[in-house]
Amino acid sequence: MKQIVISNKINYLGTNDRKKELFENNWPLPNGVAYNSYLINDDKTALVDTLEFGSKDDYLDVIASQLGGKPLDYIIVNHMEPDHSSMIGVLLKFYPEVKVVSNIKAFKMLEAYFKISPDNFLEVKEGEVLDLGYHKLTFYITPWVHWPETMMTYDKTDKVLFSCDAFGSFGTLDGGIFDDEINFAFYEDEMRRYYSNIVGKYSNMVQKAFAKLKEVDIKVICPSHGPIWRTNPAKAVELYDKWSRHESEEGVVIAYASMYGNTEKMADYLARLIAERGIKNIRIYDVSKTHASFIISEIWKYRGVVLGSSAYNAGMHPMMEHLCHELSVVGPKDKNYALFGSYSWNGGGLKSLIAFSEKVSWNKIAEPVELIGAPDEKKMEGFSSVAENIL
């Protein structure tokens, strides 16, 4: 394959995974995912992060070809999650003298996964410089973006930030590798879904990372998933800053669980009332059909959230319970919310939703709406208040 040049002596060594159905065996990948790795072929050579094991069958051959007989001096480990690190053990067999560069928190994991000898470790601390020749690498420790050992590597010469999971995205790179080669509108939703479900829980730590990088001159951002930002890296920073501050857009997400259609009719009725108020961004999701990760991404985007559930075994529907659990984990903030439910003999659905709402500290804008049996306009009068106050 043709070499893909990031900058002077920095090449892209990524690959696309279109076979995996679930990222971390949890998040659907309808558009696949890219794994990005980078080789710096300087006086000293460095591989910045690796790939998921088995995702690129010629990975070792490509590295050897680009090294041209030179040794691999360093493997820089920004993050220990196996989709970035699981080739380290194999690489050590081919390059037994290589130094594995990371921070002290990563070494315990490296020993646990790969039984690496401490002789192969090269610990780096905040602000230290690794001189490769032309390139001078420095390190920023960014814990909990999104594991405790996470760090970023910055090339002071060409001003390239290797950010690992930060600024990453779901979706394969279909020919276009760089931000100026793609229609970013295709990736933005998947970038937000990646952020909200993978990184969003640690938004406060993202802001702390931004504080560290505030004065850093970044010309190129090289994440470990998704496109490389060489023309407009400020766009990636702007989005992550916005999402980590929990800034929302005008719009309403209505998510419901319905067994026989009554709760669904309530969702549609409410949506119509909201639309009549002139609100155009309204998204309705059946939690039994749409994976929670897509709903969470939309909730992260929009300010209004309305959740509804039929009663199920004296509680809320299991799929609504799953969504609520995931929301409590990732913790979107500053939402206006309302609740509704329906039942035949027990109102446990709404009762359980109320218990969930008391844990998330959102802004309640109206009293819950609950009905027994089939819906009609009289039973749903309470939705008028929801529609009037949701935004």
Protein backbone atom coordinates (compact mmCIF):
# COMPACT_ATOMS: atom_id res chain seq x y z
CA MET A 1 0.00 0.00 0.00
CA LYS A 2 1.06 3.57 -0.65
CA GLN A 3 2.61 5.29 2.34
CA ILE A 4 0.28 7.78 4.00
CA VAL A 5 2.35 10.68 5.27
CA ILE A 6 1.14 12.64 8.29
CA SER A 7 4.14 14.93 8.52
CA ASN A 8 7.92 14.78 8.16
CA LYS A 9 8.95 11.19 8.89
CA ILE A 10 5.53 10.39 10.44
CA ASN A 11 3.40 7.83 8.61
CA TYR A 12 -0.09 6.44 9.17
CA LEU A 13 -0.33 2.68 9.76
CA GLY A 14 -4.03 2.26 10.47
CA THR A 15 -6.63 -0.20 9.31
CA ASN A 16 -10.40 -0.57 9.04
CA ASP A 17 -12.51 -3.12 10.85
CA ARG A 18 -15.74 -3.77 8.98
CA LYS A 19 -16.33 -7.21 10.51
CA LYS A 20 -16.69 -6.40 14.20
CA GLU A 21 -20.35 -5.91 15.13
CA LEU A 22 -19.91 -4.61 18.68
CA PHE A 23 -17.17 -2.30 19.94
CA GLU A 24 -16.06 -3.50 23.39
CA ASN A 25 -18.66 -6.21 22.74
CA ASN A 26 -21.29 -3.61 23.63
CA TRP A 27 -21.63 -0.71 21.17
CA PRO A 28 -23.01 -1.42 17.66
CA LEU A 29 -20.75 -0.59 14.72
CA PRO A 30 -23.03 -0.12 11.70
CA ASN A 31 -20.25 1.85 9.98
CA GLY A 32 -17.33 -0.17 11.37
CA VAL A 33 -14.37 1.37 13.15
CA ALA A 34 -10.82 2.43 12.25
CA TYR A 35 -7.77 1.62 14.35
CA ASN A 36 -4.98 4.15 13.92
CA SER A 37 -1.29 3.56 14.57
CA TYR A 38 1.62 5.83 13.63
CA LEU A 39 5.30 5.22 12.82
CA ILE A 40 7.92 7.93 13.34
CA ASN A 41 10.96 6.96 11.27
CA ASP A 42 13.58 9.37 12.62
CA ASP A 43 17.17 8.86 13.82
CA LYS A 44 15.42 6.90 16.53
CA THR A 45 12.19 5.16 15.55
CA ALA A 46 8.92 5.08 17.45
CA LEU A 47 5.60 3.36 16.96
CA VAL A 48 2.80 5.38 18.55
CA ASP A 49 0.11 2.94 19.74
CA THR A 50 -0.58 -0.36 18.01
CA LEU A 51 -3.69 -1.98 16.56
CA GLU A 52 -6.21 -4.51 17.78
CA PHE A 53 -4.75 -7.98 17.40
CA GLY A 54 -5.75 -9.58 14.11
CA SER A 55 -7.19 -6.42 12.55
CA LYS A 56 -4.36 -6.01 10.00
CA ASP A 57 -2.62 -9.18 8.87
CA ASP A 58 0.31 -7.38 7.26
CA TYR A 59 0.92 -4.92 10.11
CA LEU A 60 4.34 -6.34 11.02
CA ASP A 61 5.38 -6.48 7.36
CA VAL A 62 4.43 -2.84 6.83
CA ILE A 63 6.37 -1.75 9.92
CA ALA A 64 9.45 -3.70 8.79
CA SER A 65 9.18 -2.35 5.26
CA GLN A 66 8.96 1.25 6.41
CA LEU A 67 11.80 0.81 8.89
CA GLY A 68 13.98 -0.41 6.02
CA GLY A 69 16.19 -2.54 8.21
CA LYS A 70 16.41 -0.09 11.09
CA PRO A 71 15.50 -1.28 14.59
CA LEU A 72 12.28 -0.25 16.28
CA ASP A 73 13.53 1.74 19.23
CA TYR A 74 10.30 2.69 21.01
CA ILE A 75 6.66 1.70 21.32
CA ILE A 76 4.74 4.57 22.84
CA VAL A 77 1.67 3.42 24.77
CA ASN A 78 -0.80 6.26 25.26
CA HIS A 79 -3.55 3.93 26.48
CA MET A 80 -3.61 0.27 27.49
CA GLU A 81 -7.02 -0.77 26.18
CA PRO A 82 -6.45 -3.78 23.90
CA ASP A 83 -7.81 -2.13 20.75
CA HIS A 84 -4.63 0.01 20.92
CA SER A 85 -2.18 -2.25 22.72
CA SER A 86 -2.86 -5.90 21.93
CA MET A 87 -0.08 -6.13 19.31
CA ILE A 88 2.59 -5.18 21.85
CA GLY A 89 3.30 -8.79 22.84
CA VAL A 90 3.87 -9.81 19.22
CA LEU A 91 6.03 -6.77 18.51
CA LEU A 92 8.25 -7.61 21.47
CA LYS A 93 8.98 -11.00 19.92
CA PHE A 94 10.16 -9.34 16.71
CA TYR A 95 11.87 -6.40 18.42
CA PRO A 96 13.00 -7.76 21.80
CA GLU A 97 15.21 -4.73 22.54
CA VAL A 98 12.43 -2.19 22.02
CA LYS A 99 11.64 0.21 24.86
CA VAL A 100 7.97 0.43 25.81
CA VAL A 101 7.32 4.06 26.66
CA SER A 102 4.49 5.03 28.99
CA ASN A 103 3.69 6.37 32.44
CA ILE A 104 3.98 4.46 35.69
CA LYS A 105 0.27 3.65 35.87
CA ALA A 106 0.44 1.72 32.59
CA PHE A 107 3.29 -0.56 33.63
CA LYS A 108 1.23 -2.71 35.98
CA MET A 109 -1.23 -3.37 33.13
CA LEU A 110 1.59 -4.05 30.68
CA GLU A 111 3.03 -6.66 33.03
CA ALA A 112 -0.39 -8.21 33.55
CA TYR A 113 -1.19 -8.44 29.83
CA PHE A 114 2.19 -9.17 28.27
CA LYS A 115 4.59 -10.17 31.09
CA ILE A 116 7.01 -7.54 29.86
CA SER A 117 10.36 -7.36 31.61
CA PRO A 118 10.93 -4.10 33.47
CA ASP A 119 14.11 -3.83 31.38
CA ASN A 120 11.88 -2.97 28.42
CA PHE A 121 10.09 -0.16 30.25
CA LEU A 122 10.90 3.50 29.78
CA GLU A 123 8.86 5.62 32.16
CA VAL A 124 7.98 9.15 31.11
CA LYS A 125 6.51 11.85 33.29
CA GLU A 126 4.52 14.97 32.54
CA GLY A 127 6.48 17.33 30.30
CA GLU A 128 9.50 15.09 29.79
CA VAL A 129 11.03 15.02 26.30
CA LEU A 130 12.00 12.00 24.22
CA ASP A 131 14.45 13.09 21.53
CA LEU A 132 14.17 11.06 18.31
CA GLY A 133 16.41 13.37 16.27
CA TYR A 134 14.28 15.69 14.18
CA HIS A 135 11.22 15.00 16.30
CA LYS A 136 11.07 15.90 19.97
CA LEU A 137 8.23 14.18 21.81
CA THR A 138 6.75 15.40 25.07
CA PHE A 139 4.02 13.82 27.15
CA TYR A 140 0.84 15.00 28.83
CA ILE A 141 -0.67 12.71 31.44
CA THR A 142 -4.46 12.82 30.97
CA PRO A 143 -5.94 10.33 33.46
CA TRP A 144 -9.50 9.16 32.98
CA VAL A 145 -9.71 10.20 29.36
CA HIS A 146 -10.81 7.51 29.66
CA TRP A 147 -8.70 5.06 31.71
CA PRO A 148 -6.47 6.00 34.67
CA GLU A 149 -3.21 5.54 32.73
CA THR A 150 -4.20 7.53 29.64
CA MET A 151 -1.73 10.05 28.27
CA MET A 152 -1.12 12.02 25.07
CA THR A 153 2.09 12.38 23.07
CA TYR A 154 2.97 15.69 21.42
CA ASP A 155 5.61 16.26 18.76
CA LYS A 156 7.05 19.69 19.49
CA THR A 157 8.73 19.91 16.07
CA ASP A 158 5.79 19.47 13.71
CA LYS A 159 3.19 20.22 16.42
CA VAL A 160 1.39 16.89 16.07
CA LEU A 161 -0.76 15.64 18.97
CA PHE A 162 -1.19 11.86 19.26
CA SER A 163 -4.36 11.93 21.36
CA CYS A 164 -5.36 8.25 21.47
CA ASP A 165 -9.09 7.94 22.29
CA ALA A 166 -9.59 11.68 22.66
CA PHE A 167 -11.06 13.24 19.49
CA GLY A 168 -11.83 9.76 18.19
CA SER A 169 -14.87 8.47 16.34
CA PHE A 170 -16.64 5.34 15.29
CA GLY A 171 -16.74 4.68 11.53
CA THR A 172 -14.18 3.33 9.07
CA LEU A 173 -12.00 5.59 6.96
CA ASP A 174 -13.26 4.82 3.46
CA GLY A 175 -10.45 6.21 1.35
CA GLY A 176 -10.35 9.58 3.06
CA ILE A 177 -7.95 9.56 6.00
CA PHE A 178 -7.76 13.30 6.74
CA ASP A 179 -10.45 15.79 7.70
CA ASP A 180 -10.03 17.66 4.40
CA GLU A 181 -10.66 14.46 2.44
CA ILE A 182 -14.03 13.56 3.96
CA ASN A 183 -17.52 14.90 4.39
CA PHE A 184 -17.38 15.34 8.15
CA ALA A 185 -21.18 15.53 8.40
CA PHE A 186 -21.10 11.75 7.90
CA TYR A 187 -18.82 11.31 10.91
CA GLU A 188 -20.14 13.89 13.36
CA ASP A 189 -22.97 11.77 14.77
CA GLU A 190 -20.64 8.79 15.18
CA MET A 191 -18.02 11.02 16.80
CA ARG A 192 -20.62 12.23 19.31
CA ARG A 193 -21.87 8.68 19.90
CA TYR A 194 -18.29 7.63 20.59
CA TYR A 195 -17.78 10.53 22.96
CA SER A 196 -21.06 10.23 24.85
CA ASN A 197 -20.82 6.48 25.43
CA ILE A 198 -17.07 5.92 25.78
CA VAL A 199 -15.65 9.17 27.13
CA GLY A 200 -18.65 11.16 28.36
CA LYS A 201 -18.63 9.77 31.91
CA TYR A 202 -15.26 11.46 32.36
CA SER A 203 -16.19 14.87 30.95
CA ASN A 204 -14.74 16.69 33.95
CA MET A 205 -11.40 15.00 33.27
CA VAL A 206 -11.64 16.02 29.60
CA GLN A 207 -11.88 19.62 30.77
CA LYS A 208 -8.79 19.11 32.93
CA ALA A 209 -6.97 17.74 29.89
CA PHE A 210 -8.01 20.82 27.92
CA ALA A 211 -6.52 22.99 30.66
CA LYS A 212 -3.18 21.21 30.22
CA LEU A 213 -3.29 21.64 26.43
CA LYS A 214 -4.54 25.22 26.46
CA GLU A 215 -1.23 26.79 25.43
CA VAL A 216 -0.09 23.92 23.18
CA ASP A 217 0.17 24.82 19.49
CA ILE A 218 -1.58 21.93 17.75
CA LYS A 219 -1.34 21.73 13.96
CA VAL A 220 -2.41 18.09 13.55
CA ILE A 221 -4.47 15.76 15.78
CA CYS A 222 -3.84 12.05 15.33
CA PRO A 223 -6.46 10.07 17.29
CA SER A 224 -6.57 6.29 17.56
CA HIS A 225 -9.99 6.05 15.90
CA GLY A 226 -11.51 8.09 13.11
CA PRO A 227 -10.14 10.81 10.82
CA ILE A 228 -6.87 12.66 11.30
CA TRP A 229 -7.29 16.40 11.76
CA ARG A 230 -4.64 18.20 9.71
CA THR A 231 -6.62 21.12 8.24
CA ASN A 232 -9.04 22.08 10.99
CA PRO A 233 -8.00 20.49 14.29
CA ALA A 234 -9.79 23.32 16.07
CA LYS A 235 -13.09 21.73 14.97
CA ALA A 236 -12.34 18.53 16.89
CA VAL A 237 -11.30 20.52 19.95
CA GLU A 238 -14.45 22.67 19.69
CA LEU A 239 -16.74 19.64 19.62
CA TYR A 240 -15.05 17.88 22.54
CA ASP A 241 -15.08 21.11 24.53
CA LYS A 242 -18.79 21.56 23.84
CA TRP A 243 -19.71 17.99 24.69
CA SER A 244 -17.59 17.88 27.83
CA ARG A 245 -19.24 21.08 29.05
CA HIS A 246 -22.64 19.42 28.49
CA GLU A 247 -23.74 22.20 26.15
CA SER A 248 -27.00 21.19 24.47
CA GLU A 249 -28.88 22.24 21.35
CA GLU A 250 -32.57 23.08 21.05
CA GLY A 251 -34.44 19.83 20.62
CA VAL A 252 -36.27 17.02 22.39
CA VAL A 253 -35.59 13.29 22.64
CA ILE A 254 -38.59 11.12 23.50
CA ALA A 255 -37.64 7.55 24.37
CA TYR A 256 -40.31 5.02 25.24
CA ALA A 257 -40.91 1.35 25.99
CA SER A 258 -44.24 -0.02 24.84
CA MET A 259 -45.51 -3.58 24.75
CA TYR A 260 -48.84 -3.20 22.98
CA GLY A 261 -48.71 0.30 21.52
CA ASN A 262 -50.39 2.42 24.21
CA THR A 263 -47.20 4.05 25.50
CA GLU A 264 -46.06 4.58 21.92
CA LYS A 265 -49.29 6.49 21.19
CA MET A 266 -48.54 8.71 24.16
CA ALA A 267 -45.07 9.46 22.74
CA ASP A 268 -46.53 10.38 19.35
CA TYR A 269 -49.22 12.56 20.91
CA LEU A 270 -46.66 14.48 22.96
CA ALA A 271 -44.36 14.89 19.97
CA ARG A 272 -47.19 16.49 18.01
CA LEU A 273 -47.87 18.96 20.79
CA ILE A 274 -44.18 19.87 20.90
CA ALA A 275 -44.05 20.31 17.12
CA GLU A 276 -47.06 22.64 17.24
CA ARG A 277 -44.95 24.91 19.46
CA GLY A 278 -42.47 25.30 16.60
CA ILE A 279 -39.77 22.94 17.85
CA LYS A 280 -38.31 21.14 14.84
CA ASN A 281 -35.68 18.84 16.34
CA ILE A 282 -37.78 16.05 17.84
CA ARG A 283 -36.47 12.50 17.99
CA ILE A 284 -38.63 9.54 19.07
CA TYR A 285 -37.01 6.21 19.90
CA ASP A 286 -38.40 2.81 20.79
CA VAL A 287 -35.85 1.52 23.31
CA SER A 288 -36.59 -2.07 22.31
CA LYS A 289 -35.50 -1.38 18.73
CA THR A 290 -32.81 1.30 18.96
CA HIS A 291 -29.63 0.52 20.88
CA ALA A 292 -29.12 2.69 23.93
CA SER A 293 -25.87 4.14 22.55
CA PHE A 294 -27.72 5.96 19.75
CA ILE A 295 -30.32 7.33 22.15
CA ILE A 296 -27.65 8.49 24.59
CA SER A 297 -25.86 10.29 21.76
CA GLU A 298 -29.03 12.19 20.90
CA ILE A 299 -29.71 12.96 24.56
CA TRP A 300 -26.19 14.37 24.78
CA LYS A 301 -27.01 16.60 21.81
CA TYR A 302 -30.45 17.95 22.78
CA ARG A 303 -31.66 19.73 25.91
CA GLY A 304 -35.11 18.16 26.32
CA VAL A 305 -35.58 14.54 27.42
CA VAL A 306 -38.88 12.74 27.90
CA LEU A 307 -38.89 9.10 29.02
CA GLY A 308 -41.92 6.84 29.05
CA SER A 309 -42.48 3.23 29.98
CA SER A 310 -45.22 0.72 30.19
CA ALA A 311 -45.40 -1.23 33.45
CA TYR A 312 -43.59 -4.55 33.35
CA ASN A 313 -43.52 -7.00 36.26
CA ALA A 314 -44.35 -4.17 38.66
CA GLY A 315 -41.45 -2.06 37.33
CA MET A 316 -40.37 -0.35 34.13
CA HIS A 317 -39.79 -2.25 30.91
CA PRO A 318 -36.38 -4.02 30.93
CA MET A 319 -35.13 -2.13 27.88
CA MET A 320 -36.04 1.21 29.44
CA GLU A 321 -34.32 0.04 32.59
CA HIS A 322 -31.21 -0.63 30.52
CA LEU A 323 -31.29 2.86 28.98
CA CYS A 324 -31.72 4.44 32.42
CA HIS A 325 -28.80 2.42 33.76
CA GLU A 326 -26.56 3.59 30.92
CA LEU A 327 -27.68 7.19 31.40
CA SER A 328 -26.85 6.99 35.10
CA VAL A 329 -23.37 5.70 34.19
CA VAL A 330 -22.41 8.28 31.52
CA GLY A 331 -24.19 11.11 33.33
CA PRO A 332 -25.37 13.74 30.83
CA LYS A 333 -26.11 16.98 32.65
CA ASP A 334 -28.29 20.09 32.38
CA LYS A 335 -31.34 18.41 30.84
CA ASN A 336 -34.99 19.45 31.02
CA TYR A 337 -37.00 16.32 31.56
CA ALA A 338 -40.47 14.87 31.92
CA LEU A 339 -41.84 11.36 32.41
CA PHE A 340 -44.87 9.34 31.38
CA GLY A 341 -46.20 5.83 31.62
CA SER A 342 -49.12 3.50 31.12
CA TYR A 343 -50.37 0.41 32.90
CA SER A 344 -53.16 -2.12 33.11
CA TRP A 345 -53.12 -3.15 36.76
CA ASN A 346 -49.97 -1.69 38.32
CA GLY A 347 -48.17 1.62 37.75
CA GLY A 348 -44.66 0.36 38.36
CA GLY A 349 -43.27 1.71 35.08
CA LEU A 350 -43.66 5.36 35.99
CA LYS A 351 -42.76 4.73 39.61
CA SER A 352 -39.44 3.24 38.55
CA LEU A 353 -38.77 6.13 36.15
CA ILE A 354 -39.37 8.59 38.97
CA ALA A 355 -36.84 6.73 41.11
CA PHE A 356 -34.31 7.00 38.29
CA SER A 357 -34.97 10.71 37.78
CA GLU A 358 -34.21 11.44 41.42
CA LYS A 359 -30.65 10.21 40.88
CA VAL A 360 -29.69 12.29 37.83
CA SER A 361 -30.41 15.85 39.06
CA TRP A 362 -32.03 17.02 35.84
CA ASN A 363 -34.51 19.91 35.68
CA LYS A 364 -38.07 18.61 36.07
CA ILE A 365 -40.37 20.76 33.92
CA ALA A 366 -43.80 19.17 34.48
CA GLU A 367 -45.60 16.54 36.52
CA PRO A 368 -45.55 13.00 35.13
CA VAL A 369 -48.38 11.81 32.92
CA GLU A 370 -49.73 8.33 33.61
CA LEU A 371 -52.79 6.54 32.29
CA ILE A 372 -54.51 3.20 32.63
CA GLY A 373 -55.54 1.28 29.56
CA ALA A 374 -55.91 2.86 26.14
CA PRO A 375 -54.97 6.55 25.73
CA ASP A 376 -57.41 9.30 24.80
CA GLU A 377 -57.12 13.08 24.80
CA LYS A 378 -58.62 13.52 28.26
CA LYS A 379 -56.21 11.05 29.81
CA MET A 380 -53.28 12.90 28.20
CA GLU A 381 -54.18 16.45 29.18
CA GLY A 382 -51.04 16.64 31.29
CA PHE A 383 -48.90 16.58 28.16
CA SER A 384 -49.85 20.18 27.44
CA SER A 385 -47.70 21.31 30.33
CA VAL A 386 -44.84 19.08 29.18
CA ALA A 387 -44.96 20.53 25.67
CA GLU A 388 -45.09 24.11 26.95
CA ASN A 389 -42.15 23.80 29.31
CA ILE A 390 -39.76 21.22 27.84
CA LEU A 391 -37.51 23.94 26.36
